[in-house]
Amino acid sequence: APLDLDASDAENARHLAATRRGVPTGAIRKVKII
């Protein structure tokens, strides 16, 4: 499922999401500001 989170920038959001979902950053398709 998509994950909503708060971060300082897109790169930080990518790393946080990968850590929280337990996947590599390459498994992320899209990072968007809401």
PDB file of all heavy atoms in Angstrom:
ATOM      1  N   ALA A   1       0.833  -1.209   0.000  1.00  0.00           N
ATOM      2  CA  ALA A   1       0.000   0.000   0.000  1.00  0.00           C
ATOM      3  C   ALA A   1       0.866   1.257   0.000  1.00  0.00           C
ATOM      4  O   ALA A   1       1.954   1.261   0.582  1.00  0.00           O
ATOM      5  CB  ALA A   1      -0.899  -0.001   1.223  1.00  0.00           C
ATOM      6  N   PRO A   2       0.398   2.319  -0.656  1.00  0.00           N
ATOM      7  CA  PRO A   2       1.122   3.593  -0.586  1.00  0.00           C
ATOM      8  C   PRO A   2       1.271   4.037   0.867  1.00  0.00           C
ATOM      9  O   PRO A   2       0.443   3.713   1.718  1.00  0.00           O
ATOM     10  CB  PRO A   2       0.242   4.568  -1.368  1.00  0.00           C
ATOM     11  CG  PRO A   2      -0.559   3.698  -2.268  1.00  0.00           C
ATOM     12  CD  PRO A   2      -0.784   2.425  -1.502  1.00  0.00           C
ATOM     13  N   LEU A   3       2.321   4.782   1.128  1.00  0.00           N
ATOM     14  CA  LEU A   3       2.634   5.226   2.483  1.00  0.00           C
ATOM     15  C   LEU A   3       2.689   6.747   2.515  1.00  0.00           C
ATOM     16  O   LEU A   3       3.349   7.359   1.671  1.00  0.00           O
ATOM     17  CB  LEU A   3       3.989   4.638   2.906  1.00  0.00           C
ATOM     18  CG  LEU A   3       4.550   5.055   4.256  1.00  0.00           C
ATOM     19  CD1 LEU A   3       3.657   4.549   5.386  1.00  0.00           C
ATOM     20  CD2 LEU A   3       5.956   4.508   4.423  1.00  0.00           C
ATOM     21  N   ASP A   4       1.987   7.350   3.453  1.00  0.00           N
ATOM     22  CA  ASP A   4       2.056   8.799   3.662  1.00  0.00           C
ATOM     23  C   ASP A   4       2.965   9.055   4.848  1.00  0.00           C
ATOM     24  O   ASP A   4       2.840   8.401   5.891  1.00  0.00           O
ATOM     25  CB  ASP A   4       0.670   9.376   3.959  1.00  0.00           C
ATOM     26  CG  ASP A   4      -0.263   9.312   2.766  1.00  0.00           C
ATOM     27  OD1 ASP A   4       0.216   9.038   1.649  1.00  0.00           O
ATOM     28  OD2 ASP A   4      -1.465   9.548   2.955  1.00  0.00           O
ATOM     29  N   LEU A   5       3.889  10.007   4.676  1.00  0.00           N
ATOM     30  CA  LEU A   5       4.790  10.364   5.767  1.00  0.00           C
ATOM     31  C   LEU A   5       5.272  11.791   5.593  1.00  0.00           C
ATOM     32  O   LEU A   5       5.118  12.388   4.531  1.00  0.00           O
ATOM     33  CB  LEU A   5       5.966   9.388   5.858  1.00  0.00           C
ATOM     34  CG  LEU A   5       6.804   9.107   4.608  1.00  0.00           C
ATOM     35  CD1 LEU A   5       7.814  10.197   4.357  1.00  0.00           C
ATOM     36  CD2 LEU A   5       7.520   7.796   4.785  1.00  0.00           C
ATOM     37  N   ASP A   6       5.845  12.345   6.641  1.00  0.00           N
ATOM     38  CA  ASP A   6       6.409  13.692   6.615  1.00  0.00           C
ATOM     39  C   ASP A   6       7.926  13.582   6.594  1.00  0.00           C
ATOM     40  O   ASP A   6       8.503  12.812   7.362  1.00  0.00           O
ATOM     41  CB  ASP A   6       5.977  14.495   7.844  1.00  0.00           C
ATOM     42  CG  ASP A   6       4.491  14.778   7.867  1.00  0.00           C
ATOM     43  OD1 ASP A   6       3.913  14.919   6.771  1.00  0.00           O
ATOM     44  OD2 ASP A   6       3.919  14.859   8.959  1.00  0.00           O
ATOM     45  N   ALA A   7       8.555  14.347   5.707  1.00  0.00           N
ATOM     46  CA  ALA A   7      10.014  14.338   5.583  1.00  0.00           C
ATOM     47  C   ALA A   7      10.484  15.701   5.104  1.00  0.00           C
ATOM     48  O   ALA A   7       9.706  16.513   4.608  1.00  0.00           O
ATOM     49  CB  ALA A   7      10.452  13.250   4.606  1.00  0.00           C
ATOM     50  N   SER A   8      11.790  15.941   5.235  1.00  0.00           N
ATOM     51  CA  SER A   8      12.354  17.235   4.850  1.00  0.00           C
ATOM     52  C   SER A   8      12.499  17.383   3.340  1.00  0.00           C
ATOM     53  O   SER A   8      12.455  18.486   2.815  1.00  0.00           O
ATOM     54  CB  SER A   8      13.701  17.444   5.530  1.00  0.00           C
ATOM     55  OG  SER A   8      14.574  16.383   5.211  1.00  0.00           O
ATOM     56  N   ASP A   9      12.686  16.252   2.619  1.00  0.00           N
ATOM     57  CA  ASP A   9      12.798  16.294   1.158  1.00  0.00           C
ATOM     58  C   ASP A   9      12.466  14.921   0.585  1.00  0.00           C
ATOM     59  O   ASP A   9      12.261  13.960   1.329  1.00  0.00           O
ATOM     60  CB  ASP A   9      14.188  16.768   0.719  1.00  0.00           C
ATOM     61  CG  ASP A   9      15.319  15.891   1.234  1.00  0.00           C
ATOM     62  OD1 ASP A   9      15.152  14.657   1.318  1.00  0.00           O
ATOM     63  OD2 ASP A   9      16.389  16.438   1.552  1.00  0.00           O
ATOM     64  N   ALA A  10      12.414  14.835  -0.746  1.00  0.00           N
ATOM     65  CA  ALA A  10      12.006  13.597  -1.413  1.00  0.00           C
ATOM     66  C   ALA A  10      12.987  12.452  -1.150  1.00  0.00           C
ATOM     67  O   ALA A  10      12.574  11.306  -0.968  1.00  0.00           O
ATOM     68  CB  ALA A  10      11.860  13.829  -2.911  1.00  0.00           C
ATOM     69  N   GLU A  11      14.270  12.745  -1.116  1.00  0.00           N
ATOM     70  CA  GLU A  11      15.264  11.689  -0.880  1.00  0.00           C
ATOM     71  C   GLU A  11      15.114  11.113   0.528  1.00  0.00           C
ATOM     72  O   GLU A  11      15.167   9.901   0.722  1.00  0.00           O
ATOM     73  CB  GLU A  11      16.676  12.247  -1.084  1.00  0.00           C
ATOM     74  CG  GLU A  11      17.745  11.189  -1.113  1.00  0.00           C
ATOM     75  CD  GLU A  11      17.586  10.185  -2.247  1.00  0.00           C
ATOM     76  OE1 GLU A  11      17.051  10.550  -3.311  1.00  0.00           O
ATOM     77  OE2 GLU A  11      17.992   9.011  -2.071  1.00  0.00           O
ATOM     78  N   ASN A  12      14.899  11.982   1.494  1.00  0.00           N
ATOM     79  CA  ASN A  12      14.690  11.531   2.863  1.00  0.00           C
ATOM     80  C   ASN A  12      13.405  10.712   2.955  1.00  0.00           C
ATOM     81  O   ASN A  12      13.360   9.678   3.635  1.00  0.00           O
ATOM     82  CB  ASN A  12      14.639  12.748   3.796  1.00  0.00           C
ATOM     83  CG  ASN A  12      14.572  12.368   5.239  1.00  0.00           C
ATOM     84  OD1 ASN A  12      13.477  12.157   5.757  1.00  0.00           O
ATOM     85  ND2 ASN A  12      15.719  12.305   5.892  1.00  0.00           N
ATOM     86  N   ALA A  13      12.355  11.144   2.267  1.00  0.00           N
ATOM     87  CA  ALA A  13      11.088  10.417   2.257  1.00  0.00           C
ATOM     88  C   ALA A  13      11.272   9.025   1.657  1.00  0.00           C
ATOM     89  O   ALA A  13      10.723   8.043   2.163  1.00  0.00           O
ATOM     90  CB  ALA A  13      10.037  11.195   1.462  1.00  0.00           C
ATOM     91  N   ARG A  14      12.053   8.932   0.590  1.00  0.00           N
ATOM     92  CA  ARG A  14      12.329   7.646  -0.062  1.00  0.00           C
ATOM     93  C   ARG A  14      13.004   6.677   0.914  1.00  0.00           C
ATOM     94  O   ARG A  14      12.612   5.511   1.033  1.00  0.00           O
ATOM     95  CB  ARG A  14      13.198   7.885  -1.289  1.00  0.00           C
ATOM     96  CG  ARG A  14      13.562   6.653  -2.062  1.00  0.00           C
ATOM     97  CD  ARG A  14      14.419   7.007  -3.265  1.00  0.00           C
ATOM     98  NE  ARG A  14      13.696   7.817  -4.228  1.00  0.00           N
ATOM     99  CZ  ARG A  14      12.898   7.331  -5.177  1.00  0.00           C
ATOM    100  NH1 ARG A  14      12.741   6.039  -5.297  1.00  0.00           N
ATOM    101  NH2 ARG A  14      12.270   8.142  -6.002  1.00  0.00           N
ATOM    102  N   HIS A  15      14.015   7.162   1.634  1.00  0.00           N
ATOM    103  CA  HIS A  15      14.740   6.295   2.574  1.00  0.00           C
ATOM    104  C   HIS A  15      13.866   5.892   3.764  1.00  0.00           C
ATOM    105  O   HIS A  15      13.900   4.730   4.187  1.00  0.00           O
ATOM    106  CB  HIS A  15      16.020   6.985   3.053  1.00  0.00           C
ATOM    107  CG  HIS A  15      17.069   7.047   2.005  1.00  0.00           C
ATOM    108  ND1 HIS A  15      17.731   5.936   1.531  1.00  0.00           N
ATOM    109  CD2 HIS A  15      17.562   8.090   1.304  1.00  0.00           C
ATOM    110  CE1 HIS A  15      18.582   6.291   0.604  1.00  0.00           C
ATOM    111  NE2 HIS A  15      18.497   7.599   0.423  1.00  0.00           N
ATOM    112  N   LEU A  16      13.073   6.833   4.279  1.00  0.00           N
ATOM    113  CA  LEU A  16      12.171   6.505   5.384  1.00  0.00           C
ATOM    114  C   LEU A  16      11.148   5.443   4.972  1.00  0.00           C
ATOM    115  O   LEU A  16      10.888   4.498   5.708  1.00  0.00           O
ATOM    116  CB  LEU A  16      11.437   7.755   5.856  1.00  0.00           C
ATOM    117  CG  LEU A  16      12.232   8.739   6.698  1.00  0.00           C
ATOM    118  CD1 LEU A  16      11.428  10.021   6.898  1.00  0.00           C
ATOM    119  CD2 LEU A  16      12.589   8.135   8.036  1.00  0.00           C
ATOM    120  N   ALA A  17      10.574   5.607   3.787  1.00  0.00           N
ATOM    121  CA  ALA A  17       9.558   4.664   3.312  1.00  0.00           C
ATOM    122  C   ALA A  17      10.152   3.276   3.104  1.00  0.00           C
ATOM    123  O   ALA A  17       9.542   2.269   3.481  1.00  0.00           O
ATOM    124  CB  ALA A  17       8.943   5.163   2.012  1.00  0.00           C
ATOM    125  N   ALA A  18      11.341   3.206   2.524  1.00  0.00           N
ATOM    126  CA  ALA A  18      11.994   1.913   2.309  1.00  0.00           C
ATOM    127  C   ALA A  18      12.259   1.221   3.637  1.00  0.00           C
ATOM    128  O   ALA A  18      12.026   0.013   3.781  1.00  0.00           O
ATOM    129  CB  ALA A  18      13.286   2.106   1.533  1.00  0.00           C
ATOM    130  N   THR A  19      12.703   1.978   4.621  1.00  0.00           N
ATOM    131  CA  THR A  19      12.978   1.414   5.944  1.00  0.00           C
ATOM    132  C   THR A  19      11.693   0.928   6.601  1.00  0.00           C
ATOM    133  O   THR A  19      11.642  -0.182   7.141  1.00  0.00           O
ATOM    134  CB  THR A  19      13.654   2.466   6.846  1.00  0.00           C
ATOM    135  OG1 THR A  19      14.873   2.865   6.228  1.00  0.00           O
ATOM    136  CG2 THR A  19      13.938   1.922   8.220  1.00  0.00           C
ATOM    137  N   ARG A  20      10.639   1.730   6.537  1.00  0.00           N
ATOM    138  CA  ARG A  20       9.372   1.363   7.193  1.00  0.00           C
ATOM    139  C   ARG A  20       8.705   0.160   6.549  1.00  0.00           C
ATOM    140  O   ARG A  20       8.056  -0.631   7.226  1.00  0.00           O
ATOM    141  CB  ARG A  20       8.414   2.551   7.203  1.00  0.00           C
ATOM    142  CG  ARG A  20       8.880   3.635   8.144  1.00  0.00           C
ATOM    143  CD  ARG A  20       7.877   4.740   8.255  1.00  0.00           C
ATOM    144  NE  ARG A  20       8.420   5.819   9.070  1.00  0.00           N
ATOM    145  CZ  ARG A  20       7.797   6.954   9.282  1.00  0.00           C
ATOM    146  NH1 ARG A  20       6.621   7.184   8.734  1.00  0.00           N
ATOM    147  NH2 ARG A  20       8.364   7.881  10.032  1.00  0.00           N
ATOM    148  N   ARG A  21       8.815   0.035   5.242  1.00  0.00           N
ATOM    149  CA  ARG A  21       8.192  -1.098   4.543  1.00  0.00           C
ATOM    150  C   ARG A  21       9.145  -2.292   4.402  1.00  0.00           C
ATOM    151  O   ARG A  21       8.743  -3.351   3.951  1.00  0.00           O
ATOM    152  CB  ARG A  21       7.709  -0.686   3.151  1.00  0.00           C
ATOM    153  CG  ARG A  21       6.527   0.261   3.176  1.00  0.00           C
ATOM    154  CD  ARG A  21       5.266  -0.447   3.655  1.00  0.00           C
ATOM    155  NE  ARG A  21       4.093   0.326   3.333  1.00  0.00           N
ATOM    156  CZ  ARG A  21       3.258   0.812   4.229  1.00  0.00           C
ATOM    157  NH1 ARG A  21       3.481   0.622   5.499  1.00  0.00           N
ATOM    158  NH2 ARG A  21       2.197   1.499   3.853  1.00  0.00           N
ATOM    159  N   GLY A  22      10.413  -2.106   4.755  1.00  0.00           N
ATOM    160  CA  GLY A  22      11.375  -3.207   4.692  1.00  0.00           C
ATOM    161  C   GLY A  22      11.722  -3.613   3.267  1.00  0.00           C
ATOM    162  O   GLY A  22      11.901  -4.791   2.989  1.00  0.00           O
ATOM    163  N   VAL A  23      11.804  -2.642   2.368  1.00  0.00           N
ATOM    164  CA  VAL A  23      12.133  -2.907   0.965  1.00  0.00           C
ATOM    165  C   VAL A  23      13.325  -2.040   0.562  1.00  0.00           C
ATOM    166  O   VAL A  23      13.615  -1.039   1.205  1.00  0.00           O
ATOM    167  CB  VAL A  23      10.934  -2.609   0.035  1.00  0.00           C
ATOM    168  CG1 VAL A  23       9.748  -3.495   0.377  1.00  0.00           C
ATOM    169  CG2 VAL A  23      10.529  -1.152   0.093  1.00  0.00           C
ATOM    170  N   PRO A  24      14.026  -2.397  -0.522  1.00  0.00           N
ATOM    171  CA  PRO A  24      15.102  -1.523  -1.007  1.00  0.00           C
ATOM    172  C   PRO A  24      14.508  -0.259  -1.643  1.00  0.00           C
ATOM    173  O   PRO A  24      13.352  -0.257  -2.079  1.00  0.00           O
ATOM    174  CB  PRO A  24      15.825  -2.377  -2.046  1.00  0.00           C
ATOM    175  CG  PRO A  24      14.834  -3.403  -2.467  1.00  0.00           C
ATOM    176  CD  PRO A  24      13.928  -3.630  -1.284  1.00  0.00           C
ATOM    177  N   THR A  25      15.292   0.801  -1.711  1.00  0.00           N
ATOM    178  CA  THR A  25      14.791   2.047  -2.297  1.00  0.00           C
ATOM    179  C   THR A  25      14.403   1.865  -3.756  1.00  0.00           C
ATOM    180  O   THR A  25      13.568   2.600  -4.267  1.00  0.00           O
ATOM    181  CB  THR A  25      15.816   3.186  -2.164  1.00  0.00           C
ATOM    182  OG1 THR A  25      17.043   2.775  -2.734  1.00  0.00           O
ATOM    183  CG2 THR A  25      16.016   3.580  -0.712  1.00  0.00           C
ATOM    184  N   GLY A  26      14.988   0.880  -4.443  1.00  0.00           N
ATOM    185  CA  GLY A  26      14.635   0.600  -5.831  1.00  0.00           C
ATOM    186  C   GLY A  26      13.221   0.082  -5.999  1.00  0.00           C
ATOM    187  O   GLY A  26      12.683   0.064  -7.104  1.00  0.00           O
ATOM    188  N   ALA A  27      12.587  -0.346  -4.906  1.00  0.00           N
ATOM    189  CA  ALA A  27      11.212  -0.855  -4.959  1.00  0.00           C
ATOM    190  C   ALA A  27      10.186   0.269  -4.937  1.00  0.00           C
ATOM    191  O   ALA A  27       8.988   0.033  -5.033  1.00  0.00           O
ATOM    192  CB  ALA A  27      10.961  -1.806  -3.791  1.00  0.00           C
ATOM    193  N   ILE A  28      10.662   1.515  -4.825  1.00  0.00           N
ATOM    194  CA  ILE A  28       9.765   2.663  -4.792  1.00  0.00           C
ATOM    195  C   ILE A  28       9.571   3.189  -6.211  1.00  0.00           C
ATOM    196  O   ILE A  28      10.532   3.432  -6.931  1.00  0.00           O
ATOM    197  CB  ILE A  28      10.328   3.763  -3.859  1.00  0.00           C
ATOM    198  CG1 ILE A  28      10.341   3.219  -2.434  1.00  0.00           C
ATOM    199  CG2 ILE A  28       9.512   5.036  -3.982  1.00  0.00           C
ATOM    200  CD1 ILE A  28      11.022   4.107  -1.444  1.00  0.00           C
ATOM    201  N   ARG A  29       8.317   3.310  -6.607  1.00  0.00           N
ATOM    202  CA  ARG A  29       7.991   3.751  -7.965  1.00  0.00           C
ATOM    203  C   ARG A  29       7.866   5.264  -8.059  1.00  0.00           C
ATOM    204  O   ARG A  29       8.280   5.878  -9.036  1.00  0.00           O
ATOM    205  CB  ARG A  29       6.673   3.098  -8.402  1.00  0.00           C
ATOM    206  CG  ARG A  29       6.202   3.488  -9.784  1.00  0.00           C
ATOM    207  CD  ARG A  29       5.037   2.640 -10.238  1.00  0.00           C
ATOM    208  NE  ARG A  29       3.916   2.625  -9.329  1.00  0.00           N
ATOM    209  CZ  ARG A  29       2.879   3.448  -9.380  1.00  0.00           C
ATOM    210  NH1 ARG A  29       2.820   4.369 -10.306  1.00  0.00           N
ATOM    211  NH2 ARG A  29       1.902   3.346  -8.514  1.00  0.00           N
ATOM    212  N   LYS A  30       7.266   5.890  -7.017  1.00  0.00           N
ATOM    213  CA  LYS A  30       6.953   7.312  -7.124  1.00  0.00           C
ATOM    214  C   LYS A  30       6.956   7.949  -5.738  1.00  0.00           C
ATOM    215  O   LYS A  30       6.448   7.375  -4.783  1.00  0.00           O
ATOM    216  CB  LYS A  30       5.576   7.441  -7.766  1.00  0.00           C
ATOM    217  CG  LYS A  30       5.125   8.798  -8.066  1.00  0.00           C
ATOM    218  CD  LYS A  30       3.817   8.881  -8.860  1.00  0.00           C
ATOM    219  CE  LYS A  30       2.920   7.693  -8.895  1.00  0.00           C
ATOM    220  NZ  LYS A  30       1.665   7.930  -9.598  1.00  0.00           N
ATOM    221  N   VAL A  31       7.518   9.160  -5.645  1.00  0.00           N
ATOM    222  CA  VAL A  31       7.497   9.967  -4.417  1.00  0.00           C
ATOM    223  C   VAL A  31       6.854  11.295  -4.785  1.00  0.00           C
ATOM    224  O   VAL A  31       7.357  12.010  -5.646  1.00  0.00           O
ATOM    225  CB  VAL A  31       8.922  10.209  -3.864  1.00  0.00           C
ATOM    226  CG1 VAL A  31       8.876  11.101  -2.643  1.00  0.00           C
ATOM    227  CG2 VAL A  31       9.618   8.889  -3.558  1.00  0.00           C
ATOM    228  N   LYS A  32       5.733  11.604  -4.140  1.00  0.00           N
ATOM    229  CA  LYS A  32       5.012  12.831  -4.484  1.00  0.00           C
ATOM    230  C   LYS A  32       4.726  13.646  -3.235  1.00  0.00           C
ATOM    231  O   LYS A  32       4.422  13.099  -2.188  1.00  0.00           O
ATOM    232  CB  LYS A  32       3.677  12.486  -5.146  1.00  0.00           C
ATOM    233  CG  LYS A  32       3.816  11.752  -6.466  1.00  0.00           C
ATOM    234  CD  LYS A  32       2.484  11.360  -7.016  1.00  0.00           C
ATOM    235  CE  LYS A  32       1.757  12.591  -7.522  1.00  0.00           C
ATOM    236  NZ  LYS A  32       0.509  12.258  -8.208  1.00  0.00           N
ATOM    237  N   ILE A  33       4.799  14.965  -3.375  1.00  0.00           N
ATOM    238  CA  ILE A  33       4.352  15.852  -2.299  1.00  0.00           C
ATOM    239  C   ILE A  33       2.824  15.893  -2.364  1.00  0.00           C
ATOM    240  O   ILE A  33       2.244  16.046  -3.438  1.00  0.00           O
ATOM    241  CB  ILE A  33       4.935  17.260  -2.454  1.00  0.00           C
ATOM    242  CG1 ILE A  33       6.451  17.233  -2.257  1.00  0.00           C
ATOM    243  CG2 ILE A  33       4.279  18.221  -1.465  1.00  0.00           C
ATOM    244  CD1 ILE A  33       7.113  18.577  -2.445  1.00  0.00           C
ATOM    245  N   ILE A  34       2.196  15.742  -1.217  1.00  0.00           N
ATOM    246  CA  ILE A  34       0.735  15.784  -1.154  1.00  0.00           C
ATOM    247  C   ILE A  34       0.305  17.242  -1.121  1.00  0.00           C
ATOM    248  O   ILE A  34       0.674  17.992  -0.233  1.00  0.00           O
ATOM    249  CB  ILE A  34       0.209  15.055   0.099  1.00  0.00           C
ATOM    250  CG1 ILE A  34       0.653  13.593   0.078  1.00  0.00           C
ATOM    251  CG2 ILE A  34      -1.303  15.176   0.190  1.00  0.00           C
ATOM    252  CD1 ILE A  34       0.358  12.858   1.359  1.00  0.00           C
TER     253      ILE A  34
END
